[in-house]
Amino acid sequence: MDDYKKEWSVGVFLTQVKIIRKKESLLEFEVIGEDHTFLSMLRETLKDQPGVLFAAYRFPHPLLENPIFYLQTSSTDPVKALQQAADDIIHKCDDLTNIFEQTLSDSV
């Protein structure tokens, strides 16, 4: 397998958000350019955060509108919960990258 490359990279896409409503324990925002893949991962990560009561999203119309994400907390600022969830997702991706690279180096 001389043509096989050990190197690989993950492209980074910058997601844009538009805040619709923010209160002390509520954050509602439009997510521009994302789909179920990322939003489901974000929702699942948020639901494991302490102080998060509700994390969900909906697509008003998948072809015409961007998804809307809802985050309700009890004892933490929703923005801080969102930041923590983003950090957790980054760490999970780093772990996956390390496992993948280790597997590749073991197999060649």
Protein backbone atom coordinates (compact mmCIF):
# COMPACT_ATOMS: atom_id res chain seq x y z
CA MET A 1 0.00 0.00 0.00
CA ASP A 2 2.54 2.58 -1.07
CA ASP A 3 -0.18 5.04 -2.01
CA TYR A 4 -1.69 4.90 1.45
CA LYS A 5 -1.25 8.08 3.46
CA LYS A 6 -0.96 7.95 7.23
CA GLU A 7 -1.78 11.62 7.57
CA TRP A 8 -5.31 12.88 7.73
CA SER A 9 -6.97 16.06 8.83
CA VAL A 10 -10.34 17.24 9.94
CA GLY A 11 -11.66 20.42 8.43
CA VAL A 12 -12.94 23.01 10.87
CA PHE A 13 -16.19 24.69 9.98
CA LEU A 14 -17.24 27.82 11.77
CA THR A 15 -20.90 27.65 12.65
CA GLN A 16 -22.78 30.91 12.79
CA VAL A 17 -25.50 31.55 15.33
CA LYS A 18 -28.09 34.25 15.69
CA ILE A 19 -29.40 34.85 19.21
CA ILE A 20 -33.18 34.95 19.21
CA ARG A 21 -33.77 35.22 22.95
CA LYS A 22 -31.53 35.22 26.01
CA LYS A 23 -32.65 35.36 29.61
CA GLU A 24 -30.98 34.39 32.85
CA SER A 25 -31.68 30.68 32.37
CA LEU A 26 -32.84 30.48 28.76
CA LEU A 27 -31.02 30.67 25.46
CA GLU A 28 -32.74 30.35 22.10
CA PHE A 29 -30.66 30.69 18.96
CA GLU A 30 -30.72 30.00 15.24
CA VAL A 31 -27.90 27.77 13.98
CA ILE A 32 -26.84 28.68 10.46
CA GLY A 33 -25.37 26.00 8.23
CA GLU A 34 -25.70 22.96 10.50
CA ASP A 35 -27.86 19.86 10.42
CA HIS A 36 -28.86 16.97 12.65
CA THR A 37 -25.30 15.61 12.88
CA PHE A 38 -23.89 18.49 14.89
CA LEU A 39 -27.09 19.53 16.63
CA SER A 40 -27.79 16.05 17.94
CA MET A 41 -24.26 15.81 19.33
CA LEU A 42 -24.65 19.22 20.98
CA ARG A 43 -28.01 18.28 22.47
CA GLU A 44 -26.68 14.98 23.84
CA THR A 45 -23.63 16.67 25.35
CA LEU A 46 -25.72 19.43 26.92
CA LYS A 47 -28.19 17.03 28.53
CA ASP A 48 -25.29 15.54 30.53
CA GLN A 49 -24.28 18.95 31.91
CA PRO A 50 -25.22 19.71 35.51
CA GLY A 51 -27.88 22.39 35.71
CA VAL A 52 -29.28 21.81 32.22
CA LEU A 53 -33.03 21.23 32.33
CA PHE A 54 -33.80 21.15 28.62
CA ALA A 55 -31.81 21.04 25.40
CA ALA A 56 -33.54 20.56 22.07
CA TYR A 57 -33.71 21.85 18.54
CA ARG A 58 -36.20 21.97 15.71
CA PHE A 59 -36.17 22.61 12.01
CA PRO A 60 -39.10 24.92 11.13
CA HIS A 61 -38.60 23.80 7.52
CA PRO A 62 -35.41 21.96 6.54
CA LEU A 63 -35.22 23.43 3.06
CA LEU A 64 -36.23 26.99 3.82
CA GLU A 65 -35.15 27.80 7.37
CA ASN A 66 -32.26 27.19 9.73
CA PRO A 67 -32.71 25.08 12.87
CA ILE A 68 -33.59 26.70 16.17
CA PHE A 69 -31.88 25.47 19.35
CA TYR A 70 -33.39 25.82 22.83
CA LEU A 71 -31.42 25.60 26.06
CA GLN A 72 -32.98 25.92 29.52
CA THR A 73 -30.90 25.75 32.71
CA SER A 74 -31.65 25.79 36.40
CA SER A 75 -28.46 26.70 38.20
CA THR A 76 -26.01 27.80 35.54
CA ASP A 77 -25.77 30.45 32.85
CA PRO A 78 -26.90 28.85 29.56
CA VAL A 79 -23.98 30.43 27.70
CA LYS A 80 -21.51 28.83 30.15
CA ALA A 81 -23.27 25.47 29.73
CA LEU A 82 -22.99 25.86 25.95
CA GLN A 83 -19.29 26.72 26.23
CA GLN A 84 -18.68 23.67 28.44
CA ALA A 85 -20.53 21.44 25.99
CA ALA A 86 -18.42 22.79 23.12
CA ASP A 87 -15.24 22.05 25.11
CA ASP A 88 -16.49 18.52 25.83
CA ILE A 89 -17.20 17.93 22.13
CA ILE A 90 -13.70 19.17 21.22
CA HIS A 91 -12.16 16.76 23.76
CA LYS A 92 -14.22 13.87 22.44
CA CYS A 93 -13.09 14.65 18.89
CA ASP A 94 -9.48 14.87 20.05
CA ASP A 95 -9.84 11.47 21.76
CA LEU A 96 -11.28 9.99 18.57
CA THR A 97 -8.46 11.48 16.52
CA ASN A 98 -5.87 9.98 18.87
CA ILE A 99 -7.52 6.56 18.78
CA PHE A 100 -7.76 6.67 14.99
CA GLU A 101 -4.12 7.74 14.59
CA GLN A 102 -2.96 5.04 17.03
CA THR A 103 -4.95 2.41 15.15
CA LEU A 104 -3.45 3.54 11.86
CA SER A 105 0.11 3.45 13.20
CA ASP A 106 -0.46 -0.01 14.72
CA SER A 107 -1.83 -1.41 11.46
CA VAL A 108 1.01 -0.29 9.18
